[in-house]
Amino acid sequence: MRILVLLACAVGIGTSIGTAFLFPVTGTDLTRFAVLAVCAVIAIELTRHIERRRVYGHASSVAYIDTKAVWSFAAVIVLPPVFATLMVVLTYLHSWTRVQHERPGGLVYRWMFSGATVLVGTQAAVAVLALGMHDYPGAPATAGLAGLTDLGIIVLAATLRWAINVGLIMAAIALSKPNIQARELFSNFGEQMLEAGAMGLGLVAAAIVVANPFVMPGIVIAMVALHRGILVNQYQQASRTDAKTGLSTAGWWHDFADQALVRARDHGTTLGLLIVDLDHFKRLNDTFGHPHGDRVLKAVAEELIAEIRNEDACGRWGGEEFVVVLPDVGDRHNLRNVAERIRRRIQAIVVEPPSHLAQAGDATVTASVGGAVFPSPAISSLDELLLAADTALYAAKNAGRNTVRLSGADLPAGPAVPDQPQLPQQAEPPQASA
């Protein structure tokens, strides 16, 4: 990852210097740069509180949505490359001092790497525009085939700029988190359309700054509105994601499962539901502390995600309970196979306790699993399906834990683990989380 960061910075600086003097700079270019720069600074100032919330709530496993592309991409189109480079540096430097730097734990090398990836993408866009546009640097042609050609070239340049930026960021994330799954890297891919919107505004800003700079405040207003839309989307994501495990919240999972049940009823298909409850989880918390318990919950969530299909949904039901809904699961035998694989995955989890508590007790993690299938007798709603799975879960616990039971199915159980004698409770560490 260090090599990638250094390489991106070196390529970004080298290509920026290489293109800086390819085109002459005129007084008109200076004026247009000043207009774009002032608008960029004003937009960053008006949206910095929203940006700070976005930065604070941003997950480190996904690429960040860069709305500053409005100003830097407009500069790429209508200004010589040296000003396009300066616009990237200006917007990132101002954003760092007003947004990133005020976030506790903000890391300079991340900001430098992000800026370098944008610089590399910017210079690639410069090459495309210089080779393809009829009049570069400048606004696209406005008549007939020339105008359509210029628009196509600009779209190609924007796509290349975005792909280089996102590709390098994802590569850095993958290198820094070797165990990350591809689905996590692409989990916010739909949000990248917001950056496409920023590029589109950049094209509009480029045309306006050439035709009538006095209309530029309209772009600033649009940027503020775009930021508020991004923040709403981020809050929606947060409202349906459990912060401790990364799984769905109980409310969002319930809505998804309810819709899945309606689809199963309408199409005459089956729907499976599993409730997974960790055995003696309170004992783990009391013995090794809540931070250790949180790590166990996260590890269990990762195993659940690894086991289920893309069309399934897994949520944290509360405490140490998890729920899984499996549309079109087939028969009870298929559901039992999934439940057994989940049980075995959890049994194989190893989370090392704190070194000073390593001898305090058994840190083994196991789970009891209860399941039910729709359609079944006396099950016509999601609440009845949940009740049936919950009843099966209690049967699994009564059978000795670390086993699977399905509602209405008399199938052989998995290996049971007898209850361990209760360990004496220890005082919780003062730093333990709630």
Protein backbone atom coordinates (compact mmCIF):
# COMPACT_ATOMS: atom_id res chain seq x y z
CA MET A 1 0.00 0.00 0.00
CA ARG A 2 2.89 2.36 0.79
CA ILE A 3 4.31 1.68 -2.66
CA LEU A 4 0.93 2.45 -4.24
CA VAL A 5 0.62 5.73 -2.31
CA LEU A 6 4.13 6.85 -3.24
CA LEU A 7 3.66 5.78 -6.86
CA ALA A 8 0.35 7.66 -7.19
CA CYS A 9 1.91 10.81 -5.72
CA ALA A 10 4.94 10.54 -8.02
CA VAL A 11 2.81 9.98 -11.15
CA GLY A 12 0.40 12.75 -10.16
CA ILE A 13 3.20 15.29 -9.65
CA GLY A 14 5.19 14.14 -12.69
CA THR A 15 2.28 14.25 -15.14
CA SER A 16 1.10 17.59 -13.76
CA ILE A 17 4.52 19.11 -14.37
CA GLY A 18 4.70 17.48 -17.79
CA THR A 19 1.42 19.01 -18.99
CA ALA A 20 1.79 22.40 -17.26
CA PHE A 21 3.34 24.23 -20.19
CA LEU A 22 1.76 22.48 -23.16
CA PHE A 23 -0.72 25.33 -23.72
CA PRO A 24 -0.20 29.08 -23.34
CA VAL A 25 -1.95 30.99 -20.57
CA THR A 26 -3.97 34.12 -21.43
CA GLY A 27 -5.59 36.85 -19.40
CA THR A 28 -8.99 35.31 -20.11
CA ASP A 29 -7.76 32.05 -18.58
CA LEU A 30 -6.70 33.90 -15.44
CA THR A 31 -10.15 35.49 -15.14
CA ARG A 32 -11.98 32.21 -15.63
CA PHE A 33 -9.72 30.48 -13.12
CA ALA A 34 -10.40 33.23 -10.57
CA VAL A 35 -14.18 32.86 -11.05
CA LEU A 36 -14.06 29.10 -10.64
CA ALA A 37 -11.72 29.33 -7.65
CA VAL A 38 -13.92 31.85 -5.82
CA CYS A 39 -17.02 29.74 -6.46
CA ALA A 40 -15.19 26.62 -5.26
CA VAL A 41 -14.08 28.29 -2.01
CA ILE A 42 -17.59 29.64 -1.36
CA ALA A 43 -19.16 26.22 -2.05
CA ILE A 44 -16.71 24.47 0.29
CA GLU A 45 -17.42 27.03 3.01
CA LEU A 46 -21.20 26.71 2.65
CA THR A 47 -21.07 22.91 2.75
CA ARG A 48 -18.22 22.28 5.18
CA HIS A 49 -20.51 21.33 8.09
CA ILE A 50 -22.24 18.76 5.88
CA GLU A 51 -18.88 17.56 4.56
CA ARG A 52 -17.60 17.14 8.11
CA ARG A 53 -20.53 14.86 8.92
CA ARG A 54 -19.93 12.93 5.70
CA VAL A 55 -16.24 12.49 6.49
CA TYR A 56 -16.97 11.46 10.08
CA GLY A 57 -19.60 8.91 9.03
CA HIS A 58 -17.71 7.61 6.01
CA ALA A 59 -16.89 3.90 6.09
CA SER A 60 -13.21 3.18 5.49
CA SER A 61 -14.06 0.18 3.30
CA VAL A 62 -15.65 2.18 0.45
CA ALA A 63 -14.51 4.95 -1.89
CA TYR A 64 -15.39 8.48 -0.85
CA ILE A 65 -17.73 10.54 -3.05
CA ASP A 66 -15.77 13.60 -4.20
CA THR A 67 -18.12 16.49 -5.00
CA LYS A 68 -15.20 18.88 -5.55
CA ALA A 69 -15.06 17.40 -9.03
CA VAL A 70 -17.51 20.11 -10.12
CA TRP A 71 -14.79 22.76 -10.05
CA SER A 72 -11.78 20.68 -11.05
CA PHE A 73 -13.57 19.07 -14.00
CA ALA A 74 -14.84 22.46 -15.22
CA ALA A 75 -11.24 23.68 -15.07
CA VAL A 76 -10.07 20.63 -17.06
CA ILE A 77 -12.46 21.52 -19.90
CA VAL A 78 -12.03 25.28 -20.29
CA LEU A 79 -8.59 26.05 -18.81
CA PRO A 80 -5.01 25.10 -19.69
CA PRO A 81 -3.71 22.02 -17.81
CA VAL A 82 -1.68 24.10 -15.35
CA PHE A 83 -4.89 25.71 -14.06
CA ALA A 84 -6.67 22.37 -13.96
CA THR A 85 -3.86 21.12 -11.70
CA LEU A 86 -4.00 24.24 -9.54
CA MET A 87 -7.78 23.83 -9.13
CA VAL A 88 -7.33 20.30 -7.77
CA VAL A 89 -4.63 21.47 -5.37
CA LEU A 90 -6.68 24.51 -4.28
CA THR A 91 -9.90 22.58 -3.60
CA TYR A 92 -8.16 19.75 -1.75
CA LEU A 93 -6.00 22.10 0.30
CA HIS A 94 -8.96 24.29 1.27
CA SER A 95 -11.09 21.24 2.01
CA TRP A 96 -8.34 19.83 4.22
CA THR A 97 -7.94 23.00 6.25
CA ARG A 98 -11.71 23.56 6.65
CA VAL A 99 -13.09 20.01 6.77
CA GLN A 100 -10.61 17.14 6.98
CA HIS A 101 -8.17 18.74 9.39
CA GLU A 102 -10.95 19.40 11.92
CA ARG A 103 -11.84 15.72 12.08
CA PRO A 104 -10.07 13.96 14.97
CA GLY A 105 -7.60 11.44 13.63
CA GLY A 106 -7.50 12.91 10.13
CA LEU A 107 -4.48 11.49 8.30
CA VAL A 108 -2.44 13.67 5.94
CA TYR A 109 -1.23 10.78 3.79
CA ARG A 110 -4.82 9.79 2.96
CA TRP A 111 -5.59 13.31 1.82
CA MET A 112 -2.38 13.40 -0.23
CA PHE A 113 -3.19 10.04 -1.83
CA SER A 114 -6.75 11.12 -2.67
CA GLY A 115 -5.45 14.33 -4.21
CA ALA A 116 -2.80 12.41 -6.16
CA THR A 117 -5.38 10.01 -7.62
CA VAL A 118 -7.47 12.97 -8.77
CA LEU A 119 -4.39 14.57 -10.31
CA VAL A 120 -3.59 11.37 -12.21
CA GLY A 121 -7.18 11.16 -13.45
CA THR A 122 -7.14 14.86 -14.34
CA GLN A 123 -4.04 14.52 -16.50
CA ALA A 124 -5.56 11.50 -18.24
CA ALA A 125 -8.67 13.59 -18.94
CA VAL A 126 -6.44 16.39 -20.28
CA ALA A 127 -4.88 13.95 -22.74
CA VAL A 128 -8.30 12.79 -23.98
CA LEU A 129 -9.64 16.33 -24.36
CA ALA A 130 -6.48 17.63 -26.05
CA LEU A 131 -6.57 14.82 -28.60
CA GLY A 132 -10.32 14.81 -29.26
CA MET A 133 -11.93 18.23 -28.74
CA HIS A 134 -12.15 20.68 -31.62
CA ASP A 135 -11.06 23.65 -29.53
CA TYR A 136 -9.19 22.70 -26.38
CA PRO A 137 -9.03 24.28 -23.88
CA GLY A 138 -12.46 25.86 -24.17
CA ALA A 139 -16.16 25.18 -24.14
CA PRO A 140 -17.47 22.36 -26.36
CA ALA A 141 -18.64 23.22 -29.85
CA THR A 142 -22.30 24.20 -30.09
CA ALA A 143 -23.23 23.19 -33.62
CA GLY A 144 -24.13 19.89 -35.24
CA LEU A 145 -21.74 16.98 -35.41
CA ALA A 146 -18.86 18.94 -33.87
CA GLY A 147 -20.93 19.61 -30.75
CA LEU A 148 -21.94 15.95 -30.41
CA THR A 149 -18.35 14.85 -30.91
CA ASP A 150 -17.06 17.23 -28.25
CA LEU A 151 -19.76 16.05 -25.83
CA GLY A 152 -18.76 12.43 -26.41
CA ILE A 153 -15.09 13.28 -25.84
CA ILE A 154 -15.95 15.09 -22.60
CA VAL A 155 -17.99 12.12 -21.36
CA LEU A 156 -15.07 9.82 -22.17
CA ALA A 157 -12.65 12.09 -20.30
CA ALA A 158 -14.98 12.24 -17.27
CA THR A 159 -15.37 8.46 -17.24
CA LEU A 160 -11.62 7.92 -17.44
CA ARG A 161 -10.96 10.45 -14.69
CA TRP A 162 -13.53 8.79 -12.42
CA ALA A 163 -12.34 5.24 -13.18
CA ILE A 164 -8.70 6.05 -12.39
CA ASN A 165 -9.62 7.80 -9.16
CA VAL A 166 -12.00 5.11 -7.88
CA GLY A 167 -9.78 2.27 -9.08
CA LEU A 168 -6.73 3.56 -7.21
CA ILE A 169 -8.76 4.22 -4.05
CA MET A 170 -10.26 0.71 -4.12
CA ALA A 171 -6.82 -0.77 -4.70
CA ALA A 172 -5.50 1.06 -1.63
CA ILE A 173 -8.45 -0.12 0.48
CA ALA A 174 -7.98 -3.72 -0.68
CA LEU A 175 -4.26 -3.61 0.12
CA SER A 176 -4.81 -2.09 3.56
CA LYS A 177 -7.61 -4.59 4.39
CA PRO A 178 -6.50 -7.94 2.93
CA ASN A 179 -9.57 -9.77 4.26
CA ILE A 180 -12.12 -7.37 2.81
CA GLN A 181 -14.71 -8.86 0.47
CA ALA A 182 -15.45 -7.48 -2.97
CA ARG A 183 -19.05 -6.78 -2.02
CA GLU A 184 -17.84 -4.40 0.70
CA LEU A 185 -15.69 -2.47 -1.77
CA PHE A 186 -18.67 -2.02 -4.09
CA SER A 187 -21.30 -1.58 -1.37
CA ASN A 188 -21.74 2.13 -2.14
CA PHE A 189 -21.28 1.83 -5.88
CA GLY A 190 -24.76 3.26 -6.51
CA GLU A 191 -23.69 6.44 -4.73
CA GLN A 192 -21.01 6.96 -7.37
CA MET A 193 -23.83 8.34 -9.52
CA LEU A 194 -23.62 11.37 -7.25
CA GLU A 195 -20.07 11.93 -8.46
CA ALA A 196 -21.36 11.54 -12.01
CA GLY A 197 -23.80 14.33 -11.13
CA ALA A 198 -20.88 16.43 -9.92
CA MET A 199 -19.11 15.86 -13.25
CA GLY A 200 -22.28 16.90 -15.07
CA LEU A 201 -22.42 20.10 -13.05
CA GLY A 202 -18.77 20.61 -13.92
CA LEU A 203 -19.65 20.50 -17.63
CA VAL A 204 -22.44 23.04 -17.04
CA ALA A 205 -20.08 25.24 -15.03
CA ALA A 206 -17.53 25.11 -17.86
CA ALA A 207 -20.12 26.32 -20.38
CA ILE A 208 -21.41 29.03 -18.03
CA VAL A 209 -18.01 30.43 -17.06
CA VAL A 210 -17.31 30.95 -20.78
CA ALA A 211 -20.73 32.31 -21.78
CA ASN A 212 -21.87 34.25 -18.69
CA PRO A 213 -19.81 34.06 -15.46
CA PHE A 214 -22.45 36.06 -13.55
CA VAL A 215 -24.70 32.96 -13.57
CA MET A 216 -22.11 30.91 -11.62
CA PRO A 217 -23.87 31.43 -8.23
CA GLY A 218 -26.53 29.08 -9.56
CA ILE A 219 -23.92 26.29 -9.67
CA VAL A 220 -22.95 27.06 -6.07
CA ILE A 221 -26.60 26.77 -4.99
CA ALA A 222 -26.90 23.46 -6.87
CA MET A 223 -23.80 22.21 -5.05
CA VAL A 224 -25.31 22.99 -1.64
CA ALA A 225 -28.48 21.11 -2.64
CA LEU A 226 -26.41 18.17 -3.92
CA HIS A 227 -24.56 17.95 -0.61
CA ARG A 228 -27.79 17.88 1.35
CA GLY A 229 -29.02 15.05 -0.89
CA ILE A 230 -25.82 13.10 -0.23
CA LEU A 231 -26.21 13.62 3.52
CA VAL A 232 -29.80 12.36 3.46
CA ASN A 233 -28.62 9.24 1.61
CA GLN A 234 -25.85 8.72 4.18
CA TYR A 235 -28.34 9.01 7.05
CA GLN A 236 -30.60 6.49 5.31
CA GLN A 237 -27.68 4.08 5.05
CA ALA A 238 -26.84 4.61 8.72
CA SER A 239 -30.46 4.07 9.78
CA ARG A 240 -30.53 0.59 8.26
CA THR A 241 -27.02 -0.55 9.23
CA ASP A 242 -26.07 -1.78 12.68
CA ALA A 243 -22.93 0.13 13.65
CA LYS A 244 -21.43 -2.67 15.72
CA THR A 245 -21.72 -5.50 13.18
CA GLY A 246 -22.35 -3.87 9.79
CA LEU A 247 -25.47 -6.00 9.33
CA SER A 248 -28.98 -4.69 8.75
CA THR A 249 -30.83 -3.14 11.67
CA ALA A 250 -33.82 -5.01 13.04
CA GLY A 251 -36.28 -2.50 11.55
CA TRP A 252 -34.84 -2.57 8.03
CA TRP A 253 -34.50 -6.36 8.11
CA HIS A 254 -38.14 -6.72 9.22
CA ASP A 255 -39.31 -4.57 6.28
CA PHE A 256 -37.19 -6.59 3.83
CA ALA A 257 -38.40 -9.91 5.23
CA ASP A 258 -42.03 -8.75 5.12
CA GLN A 259 -41.70 -7.84 1.43
CA ALA A 260 -39.94 -11.15 0.73
CA LEU A 261 -42.84 -13.00 2.36
CA VAL A 262 -45.34 -11.14 0.18
CA ARG A 263 -43.34 -12.08 -2.94
CA ALA A 264 -43.14 -15.72 -1.82
CA ARG A 265 -46.90 -15.82 -1.30
CA ASP A 266 -47.63 -14.15 -4.65
CA HIS A 267 -45.26 -16.36 -6.66
CA GLY A 268 -45.88 -19.59 -4.80
CA THR A 269 -42.27 -19.97 -3.65
CA THR A 270 -40.75 -20.74 -0.26
CA LEU A 271 -39.11 -18.49 2.30
CA GLY A 272 -36.72 -19.61 5.00
CA LEU A 273 -36.01 -17.80 8.26
CA LEU A 274 -33.26 -18.50 10.79
CA ILE A 275 -32.64 -17.05 14.23
CA VAL A 276 -29.06 -17.44 15.43
CA ASP A 277 -28.36 -16.95 19.13
CA LEU A 278 -24.84 -17.04 20.57
CA ASP A 279 -24.48 -19.44 23.48
CA HIS A 280 -23.45 -18.03 26.86
CA PHE A 281 -22.60 -14.65 25.34
CA LYS A 282 -23.17 -12.86 28.65
CA ARG A 283 -20.53 -15.10 30.17
CA LEU A 284 -18.06 -14.00 27.46
CA ASN A 285 -18.81 -10.35 28.19
CA ASP A 286 -18.52 -10.80 31.95
CA THR A 287 -15.29 -12.79 31.67
CA PHE A 288 -13.38 -10.99 28.93
CA GLY A 289 -15.06 -7.57 28.79
CA HIS A 290 -17.47 -5.93 26.39
CA PRO A 291 -14.80 -4.89 23.83
CA HIS A 292 -14.03 -8.59 23.36
CA GLY A 293 -17.74 -9.29 23.04
CA ASP A 294 -18.01 -6.62 20.36
CA ARG A 295 -15.21 -8.28 18.39
CA VAL A 296 -17.02 -11.61 18.64
CA LEU A 297 -20.23 -10.03 17.32
CA LYS A 298 -18.30 -8.55 14.39
CA ALA A 299 -16.64 -11.90 13.64
CA VAL A 300 -20.00 -13.70 13.70
CA ALA A 301 -21.48 -11.08 11.36
CA GLU A 302 -18.64 -11.61 8.89
CA GLU A 303 -19.26 -15.36 8.87
CA LEU A 304 -22.98 -14.87 8.33
CA ILE A 305 -22.36 -12.54 5.38
CA ALA A 306 -19.87 -15.02 3.91
CA GLU A 307 -22.43 -17.82 4.06
CA ILE A 308 -25.60 -16.24 2.69
CA ARG A 309 -26.44 -15.39 -0.93
CA ASN A 310 -26.76 -11.91 -2.39
CA GLU A 311 -30.56 -12.19 -2.40
CA ASP A 312 -30.68 -13.12 1.30
CA ALA A 313 -30.65 -10.61 4.14
CA CYS A 314 -29.02 -10.86 7.55
CA GLY A 315 -29.73 -8.52 10.44
CA ARG A 316 -28.88 -8.05 14.08
CA TRP A 317 -32.07 -8.78 15.96
CA GLY A 318 -30.76 -7.48 19.26
CA GLY A 319 -28.00 -8.30 21.74
CA GLU A 320 -26.41 -11.55 20.60
CA GLU A 321 -29.28 -12.61 18.32
CA PHE A 322 -29.12 -12.54 14.52
CA VAL A 323 -31.81 -13.19 11.93
CA VAL A 324 -31.46 -14.44 8.37
CA VAL A 325 -34.18 -14.49 5.71
CA LEU A 326 -33.66 -16.69 2.65
CA PRO A 327 -36.06 -16.18 -0.28
CA ASP A 328 -36.77 -19.21 -2.47
CA VAL A 329 -34.82 -21.47 -0.14
CA GLY A 330 -36.47 -24.66 -1.35
CA ASP A 331 -37.42 -27.29 1.23
CA ARG A 332 -36.60 -27.78 4.91
CA HIS A 333 -33.59 -29.89 4.04
CA ASN A 334 -31.96 -26.94 2.22
CA LEU A 335 -32.72 -24.61 5.12
CA ARG A 336 -31.23 -27.07 7.57
CA ASN A 337 -28.07 -27.34 5.48
CA VAL A 338 -27.65 -23.55 5.56
CA ALA A 339 -28.28 -23.49 9.31
CA GLU A 340 -25.71 -26.23 9.92
CA ARG A 341 -23.09 -24.44 7.83
CA ILE A 342 -23.71 -21.26 9.81
CA ARG A 343 -23.44 -23.16 13.10
CA ARG A 344 -20.15 -24.76 12.04
CA ARG A 345 -18.75 -21.43 10.82
CA ILE A 346 -19.47 -19.81 14.18
CA GLN A 347 -18.00 -22.75 16.08
CA ALA A 348 -14.76 -22.29 14.10
CA ILE A 349 -14.42 -18.60 15.02
CA VAL A 350 -11.32 -17.75 17.04
CA VAL A 351 -11.21 -14.33 18.70
CA GLU A 352 -8.26 -14.00 21.03
CA PRO A 353 -9.21 -12.46 24.40
CA PRO A 354 -7.07 -9.73 26.01
CA SER A 355 -3.71 -11.15 27.05
CA HIS A 356 -4.22 -10.37 30.73
CA LEU A 357 -7.52 -12.31 30.67
CA ALA A 358 -6.39 -15.19 28.46
CA GLN A 359 -6.62 -17.68 31.36
CA ALA A 360 -9.85 -16.30 32.79
CA GLY A 361 -12.10 -18.85 31.12
CA ASP A 362 -13.24 -20.57 27.94
CA ALA A 363 -13.39 -18.17 24.95
CA THR A 364 -15.06 -20.67 22.59
CA VAL A 365 -17.93 -19.26 20.53
CA THR A 366 -20.93 -21.41 19.64
CA ALA A 367 -24.49 -20.70 18.56
CA SER A 368 -27.93 -22.27 18.66
CA VAL A 369 -30.03 -21.93 15.52
CA GLY A 370 -33.78 -22.11 15.10
CA GLY A 371 -35.52 -22.04 11.74
CA ALA A 372 -38.87 -22.12 10.00
CA VAL A 373 -40.11 -22.30 6.42
CA PHE A 374 -43.01 -20.58 4.71
CA PRO A 375 -45.45 -21.99 3.67
CA SER A 376 -46.15 -24.21 6.66
CA PRO A 377 -49.29 -25.02 8.64
CA ALA A 378 -50.39 -22.13 10.91
CA ILE A 379 -47.83 -19.74 9.34
CA SER A 380 -49.32 -16.97 7.22
CA SER A 381 -47.46 -13.83 8.37
CA LEU A 382 -43.93 -12.75 9.19
CA ASP A 383 -44.71 -12.56 12.91
CA GLU A 384 -45.94 -16.16 12.86
CA LEU A 385 -42.82 -17.20 10.95
CA LEU A 386 -40.62 -15.46 13.52
CA LEU A 387 -42.54 -17.09 16.37
CA ALA A 388 -42.07 -20.52 14.80
CA ALA A 389 -38.32 -19.95 14.36
CA ASP A 390 -38.04 -18.59 17.90
CA THR A 391 -39.81 -21.67 19.28
CA ALA A 392 -37.36 -23.85 17.35
CA LEU A 393 -34.48 -21.81 18.79
CA TYR A 394 -35.64 -22.53 22.33
CA ALA A 395 -35.82 -26.22 21.43
CA ALA A 396 -32.20 -26.02 20.21
CA LYS A 397 -31.10 -24.43 23.48
CA ASN A 398 -33.00 -26.97 25.54
CA ALA A 399 -31.32 -29.74 23.52
CA GLY A 400 -27.90 -28.66 24.78
CA ARG A 401 -27.03 -25.60 22.62
CA ASN A 402 -24.67 -25.51 19.63
CA THR A 403 -27.32 -27.28 17.60
CA VAL A 404 -30.03 -26.67 15.00
CA ARG A 405 -33.77 -27.14 15.26
CA LEU A 406 -36.42 -26.45 12.63
CA SER A 407 -40.04 -25.73 13.38
CA GLY A 408 -42.33 -28.66 12.63
CA ALA A 409 -39.46 -30.87 11.48
CA ASP A 410 -38.28 -33.86 13.45
CA LEU A 411 -34.76 -33.99 11.99
CA PRO A 412 -31.60 -35.24 13.69
CA ALA A 413 -29.86 -32.51 15.59
CA GLY A 414 -26.28 -31.39 15.23
CA PRO A 415 -23.75 -32.14 17.97
CA ALA A 416 -24.81 -30.71 21.28
CA VAL A 417 -22.55 -29.09 23.82
CA PRO A 418 -23.61 -29.49 27.45
CA ASP A 419 -23.98 -26.35 29.49
CA GLN A 420 -20.79 -25.29 31.24
CA PRO A 421 -20.91 -24.55 34.96
CA GLN A 422 -21.50 -20.87 35.54
CA LEU A 423 -18.26 -18.98 36.13
CA PRO A 424 -18.09 -16.42 38.93
CA GLN A 425 -18.95 -13.00 37.60
CA GLN A 426 -16.12 -10.52 37.36
CA ALA A 427 -16.32 -6.79 37.59
CA GLU A 428 -16.62 -5.19 34.15
CA PRO A 429 -13.63 -3.13 33.06
CA PRO A 430 -14.33 0.59 33.53
CA GLN A 431 -13.68 1.24 29.82
CA ALA A 432 -16.20 -1.38 28.63
CA SER A 433 -18.79 -0.11 26.18
CA ALA A 434 -22.49 -0.31 26.85
